[in-house]
Amino acid sequence: MSTQRVFVARLAGCAVFDPVGDRLGKVRDVVIVYRSSASPRVIGLVVEIPGRRHVFMSIGRVTSIRAGQVLTTGLINVRRFQPRPGEVRVLAELLGRRVELVDGSGSAVIEDVAIEPNRLGEWSVNQLFLRKPKTSASPFAKGPTTFAAWNEVTEKHTPGESQSAEQLVASYSELHAADLATTLLDLPQQRLIEVAEELSDDRLADALEEMPEEDQVHILDGLGDERAADILDHMEPDDAADLLAQLPEKRLEQLLDLMEPEEAEDVRTLLSYGPDTAGGLMTTEPIVLSADATVAEALALIRRHELHPALAAAVFVTLPPFETPTGRLLGVVHFQRMLRYPPHERLGAIVDETMEPISVAASAAETARLLASYDLVSLPVVDAAGRLVGVVSIDDVLDYLLPDDWRTQDADDELTAGGAR
């Protein structure tokens, strides 16, 4: 086994491979247990396997950790990871904890943890990377850093007790929203709320959109009304409407009153439609342009990084006004079609008028059939007057068709090759 010292924060996200080079998943955390007379012992890794499920891999099945990858025996238990009493996750629970240096030089915060195997192959915590309090009054200054062995510090809190969430949030900065949602839901309840409070509004909104509704409600209930309204402002209107629909009527109205008027209006509109209709599935923020707009203008709009890929696949051409509900829908111009024309070409000259929109009152089943029949990524939704009121995307329909617990539903709890944990 490689005897290279490994820093856990850098290990997060590294690929995990079996002996023949097939990728099994990626590292999400390292699990340790405390010992009375020695530094904590590493007992395994939390590995994310396909399906965004977190499973436990015993450290004994790790043959090498080097060059940003983890090599294993290939034996893995696919049952969902559940921490046991006495187990501590380094990223989720240890980073950000404040400790006292035994030499009397003061306190520091754990920013990273180094682990290393001994000659017998047993992994343990080798060193701590610490940051001391800053000495400058500048808001941009940071405190000095230092390394310390485990026996050179004492904890101010009992093992397993969480403290600052700042370091944990920093370690999540590169996670995709869906991965962030899965990781957050693996945290203890109190720790989950602490981290949610530390995340930025847009980051937390993105993560909430990837969670089951009951977990969304739990997190929203743990935030103050003002913060909860800010989060809802940053969510897609259809996702915000679905979340608010789970709340008691009184709290729903309180949060709508605290939201930005324009965002609240979109959400109120969506709440007025039945959940099993095209109106209940759609989003109210498609890209809408006039027939005189150019290909260059359209491409500039769909280039925005915050735009959902399904909404960036096409622009909708209407008569004024150009915000939903718009004037009469004239047609759609797909992204691929725009690439075939010069930047100065008018959208009105290349608009596809053959795509039939769907009524806002159409059933969800009919909407799904149309998307599947014509291999569409999105479908315009119109009212009785032919005005564009929104767009149903393929992911909206998938969310509707899949079971409510699809994000957390386990596949068969069978072992890929090996015994139980």
Protein backbone atom coordinates (compact mmCIF):
# COMPACT_ATOMS: atom_id res chain seq x y z
CA MET A 1 0.00 0.00 0.00
CA SER A 2 1.18 3.51 -0.73
CA THR A 3 2.41 5.22 2.45
CA GLN A 4 1.86 8.72 1.19
CA ARG A 5 0.42 11.18 3.66
CA VAL A 6 -3.01 12.34 2.50
CA PHE A 7 -4.91 15.50 3.41
CA VAL A 8 -8.61 14.76 3.71
CA ALA A 9 -9.90 18.04 2.25
CA ARG A 10 -7.91 17.32 -0.92
CA LEU A 11 -9.12 13.72 -0.96
CA ALA A 12 -12.77 14.78 -1.22
CA GLY A 13 -14.06 14.25 -4.74
CA CYS A 14 -11.23 11.92 -5.79
CA ALA A 15 -12.24 8.98 -7.96
CA VAL A 16 -12.35 5.46 -6.51
CA PHE A 17 -11.28 2.59 -8.81
CA ASP A 18 -11.32 -1.20 -8.64
CA PRO A 19 -8.23 -3.30 -9.54
CA VAL A 20 -9.00 -3.36 -13.28
CA GLY A 21 -9.45 0.41 -13.50
CA ASP A 22 -13.25 0.62 -13.50
CA ARG A 23 -14.54 3.64 -11.62
CA LEU A 24 -16.67 2.78 -8.58
CA GLY A 25 -17.48 6.29 -7.37
CA LYS A 26 -15.85 9.23 -5.61
CA VAL A 27 -14.77 10.02 -2.06
CA ARG A 28 -17.13 12.18 -0.01
CA ASP A 29 -15.66 11.85 3.50
CA VAL A 30 -13.33 9.94 5.79
CA VAL A 31 -14.65 8.17 8.90
CA ILE A 32 -12.56 8.03 12.08
CA VAL A 33 -12.97 6.80 15.65
CA TYR A 34 -11.34 8.32 18.70
CA ARG A 35 -8.81 6.43 20.84
CA SER A 36 -7.84 7.27 24.40
CA SER A 37 -4.09 6.79 24.06
CA ALA A 38 -3.42 7.54 20.40
CA SER A 39 -4.58 9.70 17.53
CA PRO A 40 -7.94 8.80 15.92
CA ARG A 41 -7.98 5.71 13.73
CA VAL A 42 -9.35 5.81 10.19
CA ILE A 43 -11.91 3.04 9.69
CA GLY A 44 -13.18 3.82 6.21
CA LEU A 45 -14.32 6.17 3.48
CA VAL A 46 -17.75 7.48 2.56
CA VAL A 47 -17.97 6.86 -1.18
CA GLU A 48 -20.61 8.23 -3.53
CA ILE A 49 -21.60 5.59 -6.08
CA PRO A 50 -23.86 6.01 -9.15
CA GLY A 51 -27.31 7.11 -8.12
CA ARG A 52 -25.79 9.69 -5.74
CA ARG A 53 -25.90 7.17 -2.91
CA HIS A 54 -23.31 7.39 -0.14
CA VAL A 55 -21.93 4.03 0.99
CA PHE A 56 -19.24 2.92 3.44
CA MET A 57 -15.95 1.42 2.24
CA SER A 58 -13.71 -0.13 4.87
CA ILE A 59 -10.19 1.28 4.86
CA GLY A 60 -8.96 -2.32 4.68
CA ARG A 61 -10.27 -2.47 1.11
CA VAL A 62 -8.13 0.49 0.06
CA THR A 63 -4.87 -0.58 -1.57
CA SER A 64 -3.48 2.83 -2.53
CA ILE A 65 -4.24 6.54 -2.27
CA ARG A 66 -2.13 8.64 -4.63
CA ALA A 67 -2.23 11.11 -7.51
CA GLY A 68 -5.77 12.17 -6.75
CA GLN A 69 -7.25 8.68 -6.92
CA VAL A 70 -8.11 5.81 -4.62
CA LEU A 71 -7.39 2.22 -5.66
CA THR A 72 -9.33 -0.57 -3.95
CA THR A 73 -9.86 -4.31 -3.94
CA GLY A 74 -13.18 -3.71 -5.68
CA LEU A 75 -15.23 -5.04 -2.76
CA ILE A 76 -17.95 -2.58 -1.79
CA ASN A 77 -21.15 -2.72 0.22
CA VAL A 78 -23.89 -0.84 -1.59
CA ARG A 79 -26.09 -0.30 1.46
CA ARG A 80 -26.58 3.38 2.25
CA PHE A 81 -24.06 4.73 4.76
CA GLN A 82 -25.40 5.37 8.26
CA PRO A 83 -22.90 6.64 10.87
CA ARG A 84 -22.65 4.54 14.00
CA PRO A 85 -22.19 5.83 17.57
CA GLY A 86 -18.61 6.94 18.13
CA GLU A 87 -17.85 7.45 14.45
CA VAL A 88 -16.83 10.93 13.30
CA ARG A 89 -16.76 12.18 9.71
CA VAL A 90 -13.75 14.40 9.14
CA LEU A 91 -15.26 16.79 6.59
CA ALA A 92 -18.75 16.90 8.02
CA GLU A 93 -17.89 17.10 11.71
CA LEU A 94 -14.19 17.68 12.44
CA LEU A 95 -13.15 20.48 10.08
CA GLY A 96 -13.99 23.88 11.51
CA ARG A 97 -13.70 22.69 15.10
CA ARG A 98 -11.78 24.91 17.50
CA VAL A 99 -8.93 23.39 19.53
CA GLU A 100 -6.44 24.62 22.14
CA LEU A 101 -2.70 24.18 21.60
CA VAL A 102 -1.13 22.46 24.61
CA ASP A 103 1.95 24.69 24.44
CA GLY A 104 -0.19 27.59 25.61
CA SER A 105 0.00 29.56 22.36
CA GLY A 106 -3.77 29.87 22.15
CA SER A 107 -6.59 28.41 20.11
CA ALA A 108 -6.90 27.52 16.44
CA VAL A 109 -9.42 26.12 13.98
CA ILE A 110 -8.89 22.81 12.18
CA GLU A 111 -8.75 23.49 8.42
CA ASP A 112 -7.48 20.12 7.25
CA VAL A 113 -6.50 16.72 8.59
CA ALA A 114 -3.61 14.55 7.36
CA ILE A 115 -3.98 10.77 7.53
CA GLU A 116 -1.22 8.22 7.02
CA PRO A 117 -0.82 4.43 7.30
CA ASN A 118 1.72 2.77 9.59
CA ARG A 119 3.84 -0.28 8.72
CA LEU A 120 0.93 -2.58 9.50
CA GLY A 121 -1.34 -0.72 7.09
CA GLU A 122 -3.47 0.89 9.80
CA TRP A 123 -4.47 4.44 8.89
CA SER A 124 -4.69 7.15 11.53
CA VAL A 125 -4.74 10.92 11.89
CA ASN A 126 -1.14 12.08 11.50
CA GLN A 127 -1.28 15.88 11.59
CA LEU A 128 -3.70 18.78 11.81
CA PHE A 129 -3.49 21.87 9.64
CA LEU A 130 -4.59 24.75 11.88
CA ARG A 131 -5.42 28.42 11.42
CA LYS A 132 -4.89 30.74 14.37
CA PRO A 133 -6.93 33.90 15.02
CA LYS A 134 -5.96 36.83 12.80
CA THR A 135 -3.83 39.58 14.28
CA SER A 136 -4.72 42.31 11.79
CA ALA A 137 -7.83 44.49 11.89
CA SER A 138 -8.17 44.31 8.11
CA PRO A 139 -11.39 42.53 7.02
CA PHE A 140 -9.36 40.73 4.31
CA ALA A 141 -6.65 39.44 6.64
CA LYS A 142 -6.39 35.81 7.72
CA GLY A 143 -4.70 34.36 10.74
CA PRO A 144 -1.38 32.49 10.51
CA THR A 145 -1.39 28.75 9.88
CA THR A 146 0.54 25.97 11.55
CA PHE A 147 0.79 22.18 11.69
CA ALA A 148 0.32 20.21 14.90
CA ALA A 149 0.22 16.58 15.90
CA TRP A 150 -2.99 15.26 17.45
CA ASN A 151 -1.40 15.07 20.92
CA GLU A 152 -0.34 18.73 20.66
CA VAL A 153 -3.92 19.99 20.83
CA THR A 154 -6.89 19.56 23.12
CA GLU A 155 -10.49 19.89 22.04
CA LYS A 156 -12.68 22.51 23.62
CA HIS A 157 -15.77 20.45 22.81
CA THR A 158 -16.68 16.81 23.20
CA PRO A 159 -15.96 14.47 20.30
CA GLY A 160 -18.63 14.59 17.62
CA GLU A 161 -19.96 18.00 18.66
CA SER A 162 -20.10 20.36 15.71
CA GLN A 163 -18.93 23.92 15.75
CA SER A 164 -18.23 26.39 12.94
CA ALA A 165 -19.80 25.49 9.61
CA GLU A 166 -17.58 27.84 7.58
CA GLN A 167 -14.86 25.29 6.83
CA LEU A 168 -17.41 22.66 5.90
CA VAL A 169 -19.12 25.03 3.47
CA ALA A 170 -15.74 25.82 1.90
CA SER A 171 -15.12 22.11 1.32
CA TYR A 172 -18.45 21.90 -0.54
CA SER A 173 -17.69 24.79 -2.90
CA GLU A 174 -17.00 22.62 -5.96
CA LEU A 175 -19.91 20.21 -5.52
CA HIS A 176 -22.68 20.04 -8.11
CA ALA A 177 -26.03 21.10 -6.66
CA ALA A 178 -27.36 17.53 -6.70
CA ASP A 179 -24.22 16.25 -4.92
CA LEU A 180 -24.44 19.09 -2.41
CA ALA A 181 -28.05 18.16 -1.66
CA THR A 182 -27.11 14.52 -1.05
CA THR A 183 -24.19 15.51 1.15
CA LEU A 184 -26.29 17.92 3.22
CA LEU A 185 -28.95 15.31 3.85
CA ASP A 186 -26.29 12.96 5.26
CA LEU A 187 -25.46 15.48 8.02
CA PRO A 188 -26.96 15.33 11.51
CA GLN A 189 -30.10 17.48 11.70
CA GLN A 190 -28.61 20.30 13.78
CA ARG A 191 -25.45 20.37 11.68
CA LEU A 192 -27.58 20.48 8.53
CA ILE A 193 -29.33 23.66 9.67
CA GLU A 194 -26.00 25.25 10.69
CA VAL A 195 -24.53 24.59 7.25
CA ALA A 196 -27.71 25.77 5.52
CA GLU A 197 -27.47 29.06 7.38
CA GLU A 198 -23.86 29.45 6.26
CA LEU A 199 -24.49 28.74 2.55
CA SER A 200 -25.18 31.63 0.18
CA ASP A 201 -28.79 32.16 -0.92
CA ASP A 202 -28.29 30.98 -4.49
CA ARG A 203 -26.20 27.94 -3.45
CA LEU A 204 -28.77 26.80 -0.90
CA ALA A 205 -31.60 27.44 -3.36
CA ASP A 206 -29.87 25.21 -5.94
CA ALA A 207 -29.44 22.45 -3.37
CA LEU A 208 -33.04 22.66 -2.16
CA GLU A 209 -34.27 22.17 -5.72
CA GLU A 210 -32.55 18.76 -5.70
CA MET A 211 -34.08 17.55 -2.41
CA PRO A 212 -37.30 15.70 -1.58
CA GLU A 213 -40.05 18.10 -0.58
CA GLU A 214 -40.20 16.97 3.07
CA ASP A 215 -36.49 17.76 3.46
CA GLN A 216 -37.01 21.13 1.77
CA VAL A 217 -39.73 21.94 4.29
CA HIS A 218 -37.55 20.86 7.22
CA ILE A 219 -34.70 23.15 6.17
CA LEU A 220 -37.03 26.05 5.42
CA ASP A 221 -38.59 25.66 8.88
CA GLY A 222 -35.11 25.91 10.41
CA LEU A 223 -34.49 29.31 8.82
CA GLY A 224 -35.98 32.65 9.78
CA ASP A 225 -38.83 33.97 7.63
CA GLU A 226 -36.67 36.67 6.00
CA ARG A 227 -33.95 34.19 5.03
CA ALA A 228 -36.51 31.64 3.86
CA ALA A 229 -38.10 34.24 1.58
CA ASP A 230 -34.68 35.15 0.17
CA ILE A 231 -34.04 31.48 -0.64
CA LEU A 232 -37.41 31.18 -2.38
CA ASP A 233 -36.57 34.27 -4.45
CA HIS A 234 -33.48 32.46 -5.77
CA MET A 235 -35.29 29.22 -6.61
CA GLU A 236 -36.90 28.49 -9.96
CA PRO A 237 -40.54 29.65 -9.71
CA ASP A 238 -41.94 26.15 -10.30
CA ASP A 239 -39.70 24.65 -7.60
CA ALA A 240 -40.59 27.45 -5.18
CA ALA A 241 -44.29 26.90 -5.87
CA ASP A 242 -43.97 23.15 -5.25
CA LEU A 243 -42.22 23.82 -1.95
CA LEU A 244 -44.69 26.44 -0.77
CA ALA A 245 -47.60 24.15 -1.63
CA GLN A 246 -46.38 21.83 1.16
CA LEU A 247 -46.67 24.56 3.83
CA PRO A 248 -49.69 25.58 5.91
CA GLU A 249 -51.71 28.35 4.26
CA LYS A 250 -50.75 30.94 6.87
CA ARG A 251 -47.00 30.40 6.51
CA LEU A 252 -47.33 30.21 2.74
CA GLU A 253 -48.88 33.69 2.64
CA GLN A 254 -46.32 35.07 5.10
CA LEU A 255 -43.44 33.95 2.91
CA LEU A 256 -45.07 35.16 -0.31
CA ASP A 257 -45.53 38.60 1.28
CA LEU A 258 -41.81 38.69 2.15
CA MET A 259 -40.63 37.64 -1.32
CA GLU A 260 -39.75 40.09 -4.07
CA PRO A 261 -43.05 41.19 -5.69
CA GLU A 262 -42.10 39.99 -9.17
CA GLU A 263 -40.96 36.57 -7.93
CA ALA A 264 -44.01 36.22 -5.69
CA GLU A 265 -46.33 37.03 -8.59
CA ASP A 266 -44.85 34.20 -10.67
CA VAL A 267 -45.20 31.77 -7.79
CA ARG A 268 -48.81 32.80 -7.09
CA THR A 269 -49.60 32.21 -10.75
CA LEU A 270 -48.18 28.70 -10.62
CA LEU A 271 -50.00 27.91 -7.38
CA SER A 272 -53.30 28.77 -9.10
CA TYR A 273 -52.94 25.80 -11.46
CA GLY A 274 -53.59 22.19 -10.58
CA PRO A 275 -50.45 20.15 -9.80
CA ASP A 276 -51.40 17.57 -12.45
CA THR A 277 -51.65 20.09 -15.30
CA ALA A 278 -49.18 21.68 -17.69
CA GLY A 279 -49.67 24.92 -15.77
CA GLY A 280 -48.67 23.21 -12.54
CA LEU A 281 -45.52 21.73 -14.09
CA MET A 282 -44.25 24.70 -16.09
CA THR A 283 -41.76 27.42 -15.29
CA THR A 284 -42.73 31.01 -16.01
CA GLU A 285 -39.28 32.23 -17.06
CA PRO A 286 -38.58 31.10 -20.65
CA ILE A 287 -36.45 33.21 -22.99
CA VAL A 288 -38.85 35.41 -24.95
CA LEU A 289 -37.86 37.71 -27.84
CA SER A 290 -39.51 39.64 -30.63
CA ALA A 291 -39.44 38.63 -34.29
CA ASP A 292 -37.07 41.57 -34.95
CA ALA A 293 -34.47 40.30 -32.47
CA THR A 294 -31.32 38.84 -34.03
CA VAL A 295 -29.58 35.52 -33.67
CA ALA A 296 -26.74 37.31 -31.87
CA GLU A 297 -29.15 38.69 -29.25
CA ALA A 298 -30.70 35.28 -28.71
CA LEU A 299 -27.35 33.53 -28.33
CA ALA A 300 -26.23 36.15 -25.82
CA LEU A 301 -29.26 35.38 -23.66
CA ILE A 302 -28.93 31.60 -23.71
CA ARG A 303 -25.21 31.89 -22.94
CA ARG A 304 -25.92 32.93 -19.33
CA HIS A 305 -24.42 30.34 -16.99
CA GLU A 306 -27.29 30.49 -14.50
CA LEU A 307 -29.82 29.45 -17.13
CA HIS A 308 -31.13 25.89 -16.89
CA PRO A 309 -29.94 23.81 -19.89
CA ALA A 310 -33.50 22.86 -20.84
CA LEU A 311 -34.49 26.54 -21.03
CA ALA A 312 -31.35 27.40 -22.99
CA ALA A 313 -32.29 24.95 -25.74
CA ALA A 314 -34.68 27.38 -27.46
CA VAL A 315 -36.06 30.91 -27.50
CA PHE A 316 -39.73 31.72 -27.96
CA VAL A 317 -40.87 34.43 -30.38
CA THR A 318 -44.02 36.35 -29.45
CA LEU A 319 -45.83 39.61 -29.94
CA PRO A 320 -45.33 42.19 -27.14
CA PRO A 321 -45.24 42.15 -24.16
CA PHE A 322 -42.21 39.88 -23.85
CA GLU A 323 -42.70 38.72 -20.27
CA THR A 324 -45.18 35.99 -19.38
CA PRO A 325 -48.04 36.18 -20.05
CA THR A 326 -46.75 37.47 -23.37
CA GLY A 327 -48.49 38.52 -26.53
CA ARG A 328 -49.54 35.83 -28.98
CA LEU A 329 -46.96 33.06 -29.47
CA LEU A 330 -45.48 33.14 -32.99
CA GLY A 331 -43.15 30.17 -32.74
CA VAL A 332 -39.87 28.83 -31.43
CA VAL A 333 -36.24 28.99 -32.57
CA HIS A 334 -34.02 26.16 -31.37
CA PHE A 335 -30.41 26.72 -30.39
CA GLN A 336 -29.10 24.33 -33.06
CA ARG A 337 -31.02 26.20 -35.78
CA MET A 338 -29.55 29.52 -34.67
CA LEU A 339 -26.04 28.15 -35.16
CA ARG A 340 -26.74 27.68 -38.86
CA TYR A 341 -27.45 31.38 -39.49
CA PRO A 342 -25.34 34.56 -39.34
CA PRO A 343 -25.51 36.68 -36.17
CA HIS A 344 -27.51 39.46 -37.88
CA GLU A 345 -30.32 37.15 -39.05
CA ARG A 346 -33.76 38.08 -37.66
CA LEU A 347 -35.50 35.43 -35.57
CA GLY A 348 -38.73 36.12 -37.45
CA ALA A 349 -37.10 34.78 -40.62
CA ILE A 350 -36.10 31.44 -39.10
CA VAL A 351 -38.85 30.83 -36.53
CA ASP A 352 -40.39 27.36 -36.42
CA GLU A 353 -44.15 27.82 -36.57
CA THR A 354 -44.96 24.11 -36.71
CA MET A 355 -44.51 23.33 -33.01
CA GLU A 356 -47.94 23.07 -31.43
CA PRO A 357 -48.08 24.59 -27.94
CA ILE A 358 -50.00 22.87 -25.18
CA SER A 359 -52.86 24.35 -23.18
CA VAL A 360 -52.19 25.44 -19.63
CA ALA A 361 -55.05 23.15 -18.55
CA ALA A 362 -53.69 20.06 -20.36
CA SER A 363 -53.01 17.04 -18.18
CA ALA A 364 -49.50 16.15 -17.09
CA ALA A 365 -49.85 12.81 -18.87
CA GLU A 366 -50.67 14.53 -22.17
CA THR A 367 -47.72 16.87 -21.69
CA ALA A 368 -45.37 13.94 -21.12
CA ARG A 369 -46.66 12.14 -24.23
CA LEU A 370 -46.05 15.19 -26.43
CA LEU A 371 -42.50 15.67 -25.16
CA ALA A 372 -41.73 11.99 -25.70
CA SER A 373 -43.46 11.70 -29.08
CA TYR A 374 -41.54 14.57 -30.66
CA ASP A 375 -38.25 14.16 -28.71
CA LEU A 376 -38.59 17.66 -27.27
CA VAL A 377 -36.56 19.21 -24.47
CA SER A 378 -39.22 21.82 -23.71
CA LEU A 379 -42.78 22.63 -24.73
CA PRO A 380 -44.51 26.05 -24.81
CA VAL A 381 -47.62 26.44 -22.66
CA VAL A 382 -50.34 28.90 -23.72
CA ASP A 383 -53.60 30.19 -22.29
CA ALA A 384 -56.96 30.33 -24.07
CA ALA A 385 -55.91 33.52 -25.91
CA GLY A 386 -52.76 31.90 -27.33
CA ARG A 387 -50.43 33.88 -25.05
CA LEU A 388 -47.25 32.19 -23.84
CA VAL A 389 -47.53 31.70 -20.08
CA GLY A 390 -44.64 29.32 -19.51
CA VAL A 391 -42.61 26.34 -20.64
CA VAL A 392 -42.64 22.73 -19.49
CA SER A 393 -39.17 21.15 -19.66
CA ILE A 394 -38.29 17.48 -19.73
CA ASP A 395 -36.92 17.60 -16.17
CA ASP A 396 -40.25 19.02 -14.92
CA VAL A 397 -42.03 16.00 -16.39
CA LEU A 398 -39.47 13.54 -15.02
CA ASP A 399 -39.90 14.98 -11.53
CA TYR A 400 -43.64 14.45 -11.89
CA LEU A 401 -43.42 10.89 -13.27
CA LEU A 402 -40.82 9.56 -10.84
CA PRO A 403 -41.90 8.45 -7.33
CA ASP A 404 -41.76 11.09 -4.61
CA ASP A 405 -38.77 9.43 -2.96
CA TRP A 406 -36.76 8.82 -6.14
CA ARG A 407 -33.86 10.94 -4.89
CA THR A 408 -33.35 8.77 -1.82
CA GLN A 409 -34.73 5.44 -3.00
CA ASP A 410 -32.16 2.65 -2.75
CA ALA A 411 -31.59 0.14 -5.45
CA ASP A 412 -31.47 -3.52 -4.40
CA ASP A 413 -29.46 -3.70 -1.19
CA GLU A 414 -27.14 -6.33 -2.60
CA LEU A 415 -23.38 -6.43 -2.38
CA THR A 416 -21.40 -5.90 -5.54
CA ALA A 417 -18.69 -8.24 -4.28
CA GLY A 418 -18.19 -8.73 -0.61
CA GLY A 419 -19.78 -9.04 2.78
CA ALA A 420 -21.61 -6.61 5.00
CA ARG A 421 -19.87 -3.69 6.62
